C-alpha atoms as a PDB file:
ATOM      1  CA  UNK A   1       0.000   0.000   0.000  1.00  0.00           C
ATOM      2  CA  UNK A   2       2.795   2.377   0.910  1.00  0.00           C
ATOM      3  CA  UNK A   3       4.643   1.435  -2.302  1.00  0.00           C
ATOM      4  CA  UNK A   4       1.543   2.199  -4.411  1.00  0.00           C
ATOM      5  CA  UNK A   5       1.190   5.592  -2.728  1.00  0.00           C
ATOM      6  CA  UNK A   6       4.876   6.451  -3.405  1.00  0.00           C
ATOM      7  CA  UNK A   7       4.457   5.486  -7.049  1.00  0.00           C
ATOM      8  CA  UNK A   8       1.396   7.759  -7.349  1.00  0.00           C
ATOM      9  CA  UNK A   9       3.269  10.708  -5.780  1.00  0.00           C
ATOM     10  CA  UNK A  10       6.253  10.265  -8.120  1.00  0.00           C
ATOM     11  CA  UNK A  11       3.921  10.187 -11.101  1.00  0.00           C
ATOM     12  CA  UNK A  12       2.205  13.399 -10.019  1.00  0.00           C
ATOM     13  CA  UNK A  13       5.563  15.145  -9.545  1.00  0.00           C
ATOM     14  CA  UNK A  14       6.757  14.038 -12.994  1.00  0.00           C
ATOM     15  CA  UNK A  15       3.464  15.192 -14.541  1.00  0.00           C
ATOM     16  CA  UNK A  16       3.799  18.571 -12.868  1.00  0.00           C
ATOM     17  CA  UNK A  17       7.352  19.054 -14.141  1.00  0.00           C
ATOM     18  CA  UNK A  18       6.283  18.218 -17.687  1.00  0.00           C
ATOM     19  CA  UNK A  19       3.548  20.848 -17.501  1.00  0.00           C
ATOM     20  CA  UNK A  20       5.833  23.692 -16.248  1.00  0.00           C
ATOM     21  CA  UNK A  21       6.606  26.323 -18.941  1.00  0.00           C
ATOM     22  CA  UNK A  22      10.133  26.287 -20.413  1.00  0.00           C
ATOM     23  CA  UNK A  23      11.179  29.757 -19.309  1.00  0.00           C
ATOM     24  CA  UNK A  24      14.749  29.282 -20.559  1.00  0.00           C
ATOM     25  CA  UNK A  25      13.752  28.642 -24.166  1.00  0.00           C
ATOM     26  CA  UNK A  26      10.822  31.056 -24.333  1.00  0.00           C
ATOM     27  CA  UNK A  27      11.533  34.297 -26.177  1.00  0.00           C
ATOM     28  CA  UNK A  28       9.930  37.617 -25.734  1.00  0.00           C
ATOM     29  CA  UNK A  29       9.013  38.956 -29.195  1.00  0.00           C
ATOM     30  CA  UNK A  30       9.754  42.480 -28.023  1.00  0.00           C
ATOM     31  CA  UNK A  31      13.350  41.528 -27.094  1.00  0.00           C
ATOM     32  CA  UNK A  32      14.305  40.361 -30.585  1.00  0.00           C
ATOM     33  CA  UNK A  33      14.358  42.057 -33.965  1.00  0.00           C
ATOM     34  CA  UNK A  34      13.404  40.411 -37.229  1.00  0.00           C
ATOM     35  CA  UNK A  35      16.588  38.948 -38.836  1.00  0.00           C
ATOM     36  CA  UNK A  36      16.256  41.109 -41.953  1.00  0.00           C
ATOM     37  CA  UNK A  37      16.084  44.370 -39.982  1.00  0.00           C
ATOM     38  CA  UNK A  38      19.057  43.294 -37.885  1.00  0.00           C
ATOM     39  CA  UNK A  39      21.110  42.472 -40.994  1.00  0.00           C
ATOM     40  CA  UNK A  40      20.260  45.840 -42.547  1.00  0.00           C
ATOM     41  CA  UNK A  41      21.324  47.641 -39.372  1.00  0.00           C
ATOM     42  CA  UNK A  42      24.675  45.809 -39.345  1.00  0.00           C
ATOM     43  CA  UNK A  43      25.248  46.535 -43.045  1.00  0.00           C
ATOM     44  CA  UNK A  44      24.469  50.241 -42.557  1.00  0.00           C
ATOM     45  CA  UNK A  45      26.870  50.468 -39.624  1.00  0.00           C
ATOM     46  CA  UNK A  46      29.635  48.834 -41.686  1.00  0.00           C
ATOM     47  CA  UNK A  47      28.996  51.263 -44.551  1.00  0.00           C
ATOM     48  CA  UNK A  48      29.228  54.292 -42.270  1.00  0.00           C
ATOM     49  CA  UNK A  49      32.456  52.957 -40.775  1.00  0.00           C
ATOM     50  CA  UNK A  50      34.015  52.373 -44.212  1.00  0.00           C
ATOM     51  CA  UNK A  51      33.023  55.860 -45.423  1.00  0.00           C
ATOM     52  CA  UNK A  52      34.494  57.398 -42.286  1.00  0.00           C
ATOM     53  CA  UNK A  53      37.807  55.585 -42.781  1.00  0.00           C
ATOM     54  CA  UNK A  54      38.034  56.701 -46.433  1.00  0.00           C
ATOM     55  CA  UNK A  55      37.330  60.317 -45.477  1.00  0.00           C
ATOM     56  CA  UNK A  56      39.939  60.142 -42.726  1.00  0.00           C
ATOM     57  CA  UNK A  57      42.514  58.793 -45.180  1.00  0.00           C
ATOM     58  CA  UNK A  58      41.955  61.690 -47.597  1.00  0.00           C
ATOM     59  CA  UNK A  59      42.031  64.232 -44.776  1.00  0.00           C
ATOM     60  CA  UNK A  60      45.292  62.771 -43.473  1.00  0.00           C
ATOM     61  CA  UNK A  61      47.188  63.693 -46.657  1.00  0.00           C
ATOM     62  CA  UNK A  62      46.806  67.516 -46.467  1.00  0.00           C
ATOM     63  CA  UNK A  63      47.203  67.379 -42.688  1.00  0.00           C
ATOM     64  CA  UNK A  64      50.446  65.406 -43.053  1.00  0.00           C
ATOM     65  CA  UNK A  65      51.745  67.874 -45.661  1.00  0.00           C
ATOM     66  CA  UNK A  66      50.870  70.805 -43.394  1.00  0.00           C
ATOM     67  CA  UNK A  67      52.546  69.115 -40.437  1.00  0.00           C
ATOM     68  CA  UNK A  68      55.732  68.495 -42.443  1.00  0.00           C
ATOM     69  CA  UNK A  69      55.890  72.105 -43.661  1.00  0.00           C
ATOM     70  CA  UNK A  70      55.214  73.489 -40.200  1.00  0.00           C
ATOM     71  CA  UNK A  71      57.777  71.342 -38.400  1.00  0.00           C
ATOM     72  CA  UNK A  72      60.324  70.450 -41.078  1.00  0.00           C
ATOM     73  CA  UNK A  73      59.546  66.796 -40.358  1.00  0.00           C
ATOM     74  CA  UNK A  74      61.599  64.350 -42.474  1.00  0.00           C
ATOM     75  CA  UNK A  75      63.587  67.210 -43.965  1.00  0.00           C
ATOM     76  CA  UNK A  76      60.625  69.042 -45.485  1.00  0.00           C
ATOM     77  CA  UNK A  77      61.635  72.610 -46.292  1.00  0.00           C
ATOM     78  CA  UNK A  78      59.602  75.760 -45.726  1.00  0.00           C
ATOM     79  CA  UNK A  79      58.011  78.084 -48.299  1.00  0.00           C
ATOM     80  CA  UNK A  80      58.626  81.843 -48.031  1.00  0.00           C
ATOM     81  CA  UNK A  81      57.482  84.839 -50.057  1.00  0.00           C
ATOM     82  CA  UNK A  82      59.845  87.458 -48.695  1.00  0.00           C
ATOM     83  CA  UNK A  83      63.493  87.586 -47.734  1.00  0.00           C
ATOM     84  CA  UNK A  84      64.356  87.831 -44.025  1.00  0.00           C
ATOM     85  CA  UNK A  85      64.866  91.282 -42.542  1.00  0.00           C
ATOM     86  CA  UNK A  86      68.476  90.691 -41.509  1.00  0.00           C
ATOM     87  CA  UNK A  87      71.523  88.707 -42.571  1.00  0.00           C
ATOM     88  CA  UNK A  88      73.776  87.224 -39.893  1.00  0.00           C
ATOM     89  CA  UNK A  89      77.509  86.714 -39.976  1.00  0.00           C
ATOM     90  CA  UNK A  90      77.257  83.025 -39.163  1.00  0.00           C
ATOM     91  CA  UNK A  91      77.773  80.878 -42.267  1.00  0.00           C
ATOM     92  CA  UNK A  92      76.531  77.460 -43.321  1.00  0.00           C
ATOM     93  CA  UNK A  93      77.751  75.307 -46.218  1.00  0.00           C
ATOM     94  CA  UNK A  94      74.939  74.175 -48.518  1.00  0.00           C
ATOM     95  CA  UNK A  95      75.575  71.022 -50.539  1.00  0.00           C
ATOM     96  CA  UNK A  96      73.529  70.144 -53.605  1.00  0.00           C
ATOM     97  CA  UNK A  97      72.548  66.663 -54.675  1.00  0.00           C
ATOM     98  CA  UNK A  98      70.667  65.474 -57.774  1.00  0.00           C
ATOM     99  CA  UNK A  99      69.263  62.016 -58.522  1.00  0.00           C
ATOM    100  CA  UNK A 100      67.190  60.420 -61.278  1.00  0.00           C
ATOM    101  CA  UNK A 101      64.837  57.470 -60.855  1.00  0.00           C
ATOM    102  CA  UNK A 102      65.899  54.430 -62.869  1.00  0.00           C
ATOM    103  CA  UNK A 103      63.054  54.555 -65.406  1.00  0.00           C
ATOM    104  CA  UNK A 104      63.607  58.195 -66.391  1.00  0.00           C
ATOM    105  CA  UNK A 105      66.188  58.665 -69.188  1.00  0.00           C
ATOM    106  CA  UNK A 106      67.416  62.068 -68.021  1.00  0.00           C
ATOM    107  CA  UNK A 107      70.709  63.580 -66.926  1.00  0.00           C
ATOM    108  CA  UNK A 108      70.194  65.846 -63.928  1.00  0.00           C
ATOM    109  CA  UNK A 109      72.873  67.781 -62.027  1.00  0.00           C
ATOM    110  CA  UNK A 110      73.445  70.969 -60.008  1.00  0.00           C
ATOM    111  CA  UNK A 111      75.553  73.740 -61.527  1.00  0.00           C
ATOM    112  CA  UNK A 112      77.745  73.614 -58.409  1.00  0.00           C
ATOM    113  CA  UNK A 113      78.094  70.978 -55.747  1.00  0.00           C
ATOM    114  CA  UNK A 114      78.286  73.317 -52.724  1.00  0.00           C
ATOM    115  CA  UNK A 115      78.438  76.951 -51.632  1.00  0.00           C
ATOM    116  CA  UNK A 116      78.898  78.782 -48.361  1.00  0.00           C
ATOM    117  CA  UNK A 117      76.126  81.204 -47.425  1.00  0.00           C
ATOM    118  CA  UNK A 118      75.359  83.549 -44.566  1.00  0.00           C
ATOM    119  CA  UNK A 119      72.279  82.802 -42.515  1.00  0.00           C
ATOM    120  CA  UNK A 120      69.480  85.015 -43.842  1.00  0.00           C
ATOM    121  CA  UNK A 121      71.188  85.544 -47.221  1.00  0.00           C
ATOM    122  CA  UNK A 122      68.984  84.909 -50.269  1.00  0.00           C
ATOM    123  CA  UNK A 123      70.757  82.626 -52.749  1.00  0.00           C
ATOM    124  CA  UNK A 124      69.924  81.453 -56.277  1.00  0.00           C
ATOM    125  CA  UNK A 125      71.319  78.120 -57.466  1.00  0.00           C
ATOM    126  CA  UNK A 126      70.885  76.435 -60.839  1.00  0.00           C
ATOM    127  CA  UNK A 127      70.211  72.841 -61.889  1.00  0.00           C
ATOM    128  CA  UNK A 128      70.409  71.439 -65.408  1.00  0.00           C
ATOM    129  CA  UNK A 129      68.385  68.582 -66.838  1.00  0.00           C
ATOM    130  CA  UNK A 130      68.754  66.878 -70.241  1.00  0.00           C
ATOM    131  CA  UNK A 131      66.414  64.379 -71.879  1.00  0.00           C
ATOM    132  CA  UNK A 132      68.775  61.724 -73.276  1.00  0.00           C
ATOM    133  CA  UNK A 133      66.060  59.642 -74.895  1.00  0.00           C
ATOM    134  CA  UNK A 134      64.661  59.729 -78.430  1.00  0.00           C
ATOM    135  CA  UNK A 135      61.137  60.456 -77.230  1.00  0.00           C
ATOM    136  CA  UNK A 136      59.358  63.167 -75.301  1.00  0.00           C
ATOM    137  CA  UNK A 137      59.250  62.450 -71.587  1.00  0.00           C
ATOM    138  CA  UNK A 138      57.851  64.140 -68.500  1.00  0.00           C
ATOM    139  CA  UNK A 139      59.505  64.240 -65.098  1.00  0.00           C
ATOM    140  CA  UNK A 140      58.911  65.836 -61.735  1.00  0.00           C
ATOM    141  CA  UNK A 141      61.248  66.510 -58.826  1.00  0.00           C
ATOM    142  CA  UNK A 142      60.759  65.831 -55.137  1.00  0.00           C
ATOM    143  CA  UNK A 143      63.184  67.073 -52.501  1.00  0.00           C
ATOM    144  CA  UNK A 144      64.339  67.014 -48.905  1.00  0.00           C
ATOM    145  CA  UNK A 145      67.179  68.372 -46.795  1.00  0.00           C
ATOM    146  CA  UNK A 146      69.562  66.708 -44.362  1.00  0.00           C
ATOM    147  CA  UNK A 147      69.927  66.732 -41.497  1.00  0.00           C
ATOM    148  CA  UNK A 148      66.120  66.477 -41.264  1.00  0.00           C
ATOM    149  CA  UNK A 149      65.957  68.918 -38.335  1.00  0.00           C
ATOM    150  CA  UNK A 150      67.303  71.654 -40.628  1.00  0.00           C
ATOM    151  CA  UNK A 151      64.152  71.520 -42.745  1.00  0.00           C
ATOM    152  CA  UNK A 152      62.356  73.847 -40.347  1.00  0.00           C
ATOM    153  CA  UNK A 153      64.907  76.591 -41.144  1.00  0.00           C
ATOM    154  CA  UNK A 154      65.508  76.008 -44.863  1.00  0.00           C
ATOM    155  CA  UNK A 155      63.103  78.319 -46.710  1.00  0.00           C
ATOM    156  CA  UNK A 156      62.544  78.400 -50.463  1.00  0.00           C
ATOM    157  CA  UNK A 157      61.180  81.424 -52.277  1.00  0.00           C
ATOM    158  CA  UNK A 158      61.122  79.762 -55.685  1.00  0.00           C
ATOM    159  CA  UNK A 159      61.604  76.151 -56.743  1.00  0.00           C
ATOM    160  CA  UNK A 160      61.022  73.809 -59.685  1.00  0.00           C
ATOM    161  CA  UNK A 161      59.996  70.940 -57.429  1.00  0.00           C
ATOM    162  CA  UNK A 162      56.604  69.258 -57.872  1.00  0.00           C
ATOM    163  CA  UNK A 163      56.196  70.927 -61.257  1.00  0.00           C
ATOM    164  CA  UNK A 164      55.995  68.630 -64.270  1.00  0.00           C
ATOM    165  CA  UNK A 165      58.860  69.184 -66.718  1.00  0.00           C
ATOM    166  CA  UNK A 166      58.107  68.068 -70.280  1.00  0.00           C
ATOM    167  CA  UNK A 167      61.249  67.646 -72.396  1.00  0.00           C
ATOM    168  CA  UNK A 168      61.509  66.830 -76.070  1.00  0.00           C
ATOM    169  CA  UNK A 169      64.165  64.367 -77.304  1.00  0.00           C
ATOM    170  CA  UNK A 170      67.603  65.796 -76.493  1.00  0.00           C
ATOM    171  CA  UNK A 171      66.174  68.953 -74.919  1.00  0.00           C
ATOM    172  CA  UNK A 172      68.171  70.703 -72.193  1.00  0.00           C
ATOM    173  CA  UNK A 173      66.579  72.895 -69.529  1.00  0.00           C
ATOM    174  CA  UNK A 174      68.048  75.154 -66.865  1.00  0.00           C
ATOM    175  CA  UNK A 175      66.100  75.476 -63.624  1.00  0.00           C
ATOM    176  CA  UNK A 176      66.707  77.530 -60.499  1.00  0.00           C
ATOM    177  CA  UNK A 177      65.928  77.360 -56.806  1.00  0.00           C
ATOM    178  CA  UNK A 178      65.904  80.492 -54.618  1.00  0.00           C
ATOM    179  CA  UNK A 179      66.310  79.942 -50.888  1.00  0.00           C
ATOM    180  CA  UNK A 180      67.701  81.186 -47.577  1.00  0.00           C
ATOM    181  CA  UNK A 181      68.475  79.757 -44.163  1.00  0.00           C
ATOM    182  CA  UNK A 182      66.115  81.311 -41.628  1.00  0.00           C
ATOM    183  CA  UNK A 183      67.860  83.456 -38.968  1.00  0.00           C
ATOM    184  CA  UNK A 184      65.589  81.771 -36.393  1.00  0.00           C
ATOM    185  CA  UNK A 185      68.021  78.864 -36.566  1.00  0.00           C
ATOM    186  CA  UNK A 186      70.456  80.626 -34.216  1.00  0.00           C
ATOM    187  CA  UNK A 187      67.809  80.642 -31.482  1.00  0.00           C
ATOM    188  CA  UNK A 188      67.585  76.855 -31.598  1.00  0.00           C
ATOM    189  CA  UNK A 189      70.501  75.701 -29.464  1.00  0.00           C
ATOM    190  CA  UNK A 190      70.101  72.156 -30.794  1.00  0.00           C
ATOM    191  CA  UNK A 191      71.499  73.594 -34.059  1.00  0.00           C
ATOM    192  CA  UNK A 192      74.565  75.268 -32.513  1.00  0.00           C
ATOM    193  CA  UNK A 193      76.879  72.716 -34.146  1.00  0.00           C
ATOM    194  CA  UNK A 194      75.155  72.786 -37.530  1.00  0.00           C
ATOM    195  CA  UNK A 195      77.666  73.792 -40.201  1.00  0.00           C
ATOM    196  CA  UNK A 196      76.311  72.153 -43.374  1.00  0.00           C
ATOM    197  CA  UNK A 197      72.961  71.343 -44.997  1.00  0.00           C
ATOM    198  CA  UNK A 198      72.381  69.120 -48.024  1.00  0.00           C
ATOM    199  CA  UNK A 199      69.566  69.946 -50.444  1.00  0.00           C
ATOM    200  CA  UNK A 200      68.695  66.816 -52.404  1.00  0.00           C
ATOM    201  CA  UNK A 201      66.412  66.457 -55.429  1.00  0.00           C
ATOM    202  CA  UNK A 202      65.169  63.310 -57.150  1.00  0.00           C
ATOM    203  CA  UNK A 203      63.507  63.330 -60.573  1.00  0.00           C
ATOM    204  CA  UNK A 204      60.709  60.826 -61.127  1.00  0.00           C
ATOM    205  CA  UNK A 205      58.908  59.920 -64.327  1.00  0.00           C
ATOM    206  CA  UNK A 206      55.374  61.239 -64.761  1.00  0.00           C
ATOM    207  CA  UNK A 207      53.091  58.774 -66.490  1.00  0.00           C
ATOM    208  CA  UNK A 208      51.341  60.214 -69.509  1.00  0.00           C
ATOM    209  CA  UNK A 209      47.816  59.244 -70.445  1.00  0.00           C
ATOM    210  CA  UNK A 210      47.355  57.519 -73.772  1.00  0.00           C
ATOM    211  CA  UNK A 211      46.230  59.911 -76.548  1.00  0.00           C
ATOM    212  CA  UNK A 212      42.617  59.476 -77.593  1.00  0.00           C
ATOM    213  CA  UNK A 213      42.039  58.190 -81.095  1.00  0.00           C
ATOM    214  CA  UNK A 214      38.985  59.675 -82.747  1.00  0.00           C
ATOM    215  CA  UNK A 215      37.005  57.065 -84.646  1.00  0.00           C
ATOM    216  CA  UNK A 216      34.654  58.317 -87.361  1.00  0.00           C
ATOM    217  CA  UNK A 217      31.255  56.858 -88.115  1.00  0.00           C
ATOM    218  CA  UNK A 218      31.217  53.529 -89.917  1.00  0.00           C
ATOM    219  CA  UNK A 219      29.748  53.799 -93.404  1.00  0.00           C
ATOM    220  CA  UNK A 220      27.690  51.080 -94.978  1.00  0.00           C
ATOM    221  CA  UNK A 221      29.248  49.275 -97.966  1.00  0.00           C
ATOM    222  CA  UNK A 222      28.763  51.152-101.201  1.00  0.00           C
ATOM    223  CA  UNK A 223      28.395  54.559 -99.469  1.00  0.00           C
ATOM    224  CA  UNK A 224      30.941  57.363 -99.304  1.00  0.00           C
END
């Protein structure tokens, strides 16, 4: 009798457990979004992120150029419109270097390898370039100065750098750079031992777009 009663109690307990709601697996419709809306939200967020990164990349280029000009970072020189108000007695030797990228058939050299200038003195120096190929080519010069910390005090009034030079076969061209060493250099005690600066140019080829070929209308056979 006791055994039958125990069996009945166990059965009732099992039946009650089976009838309890599965709270762990139940979902509240308000807590979930339809899969399609969720996918669209993720895709939109990814698109905004990608657009932001592209915009940041484009903005970084002018900012980097401004930073280099303002600080002389990596030997970037300064741009000036006017000569300094005074010329100091301290002198610095300026060395000139010229290089040509391997795929540009030009000869490029300074008119003189070095000069000694007073700080604040405006100087004009010439470079010569010759196209040694049998075809017209286009080149462009980039530049820097060493030591890199001197870039903040090396100011150019006029320069041929970053200007495309188009030369016919065998053509020779004389180009000039006008510069001075800023008198502010003497206030920078990290430059007290500076006695020489090297201005270096490198000519690179400029790719030319293929000329367009105009194609006339096609005439039917027998017509002219």
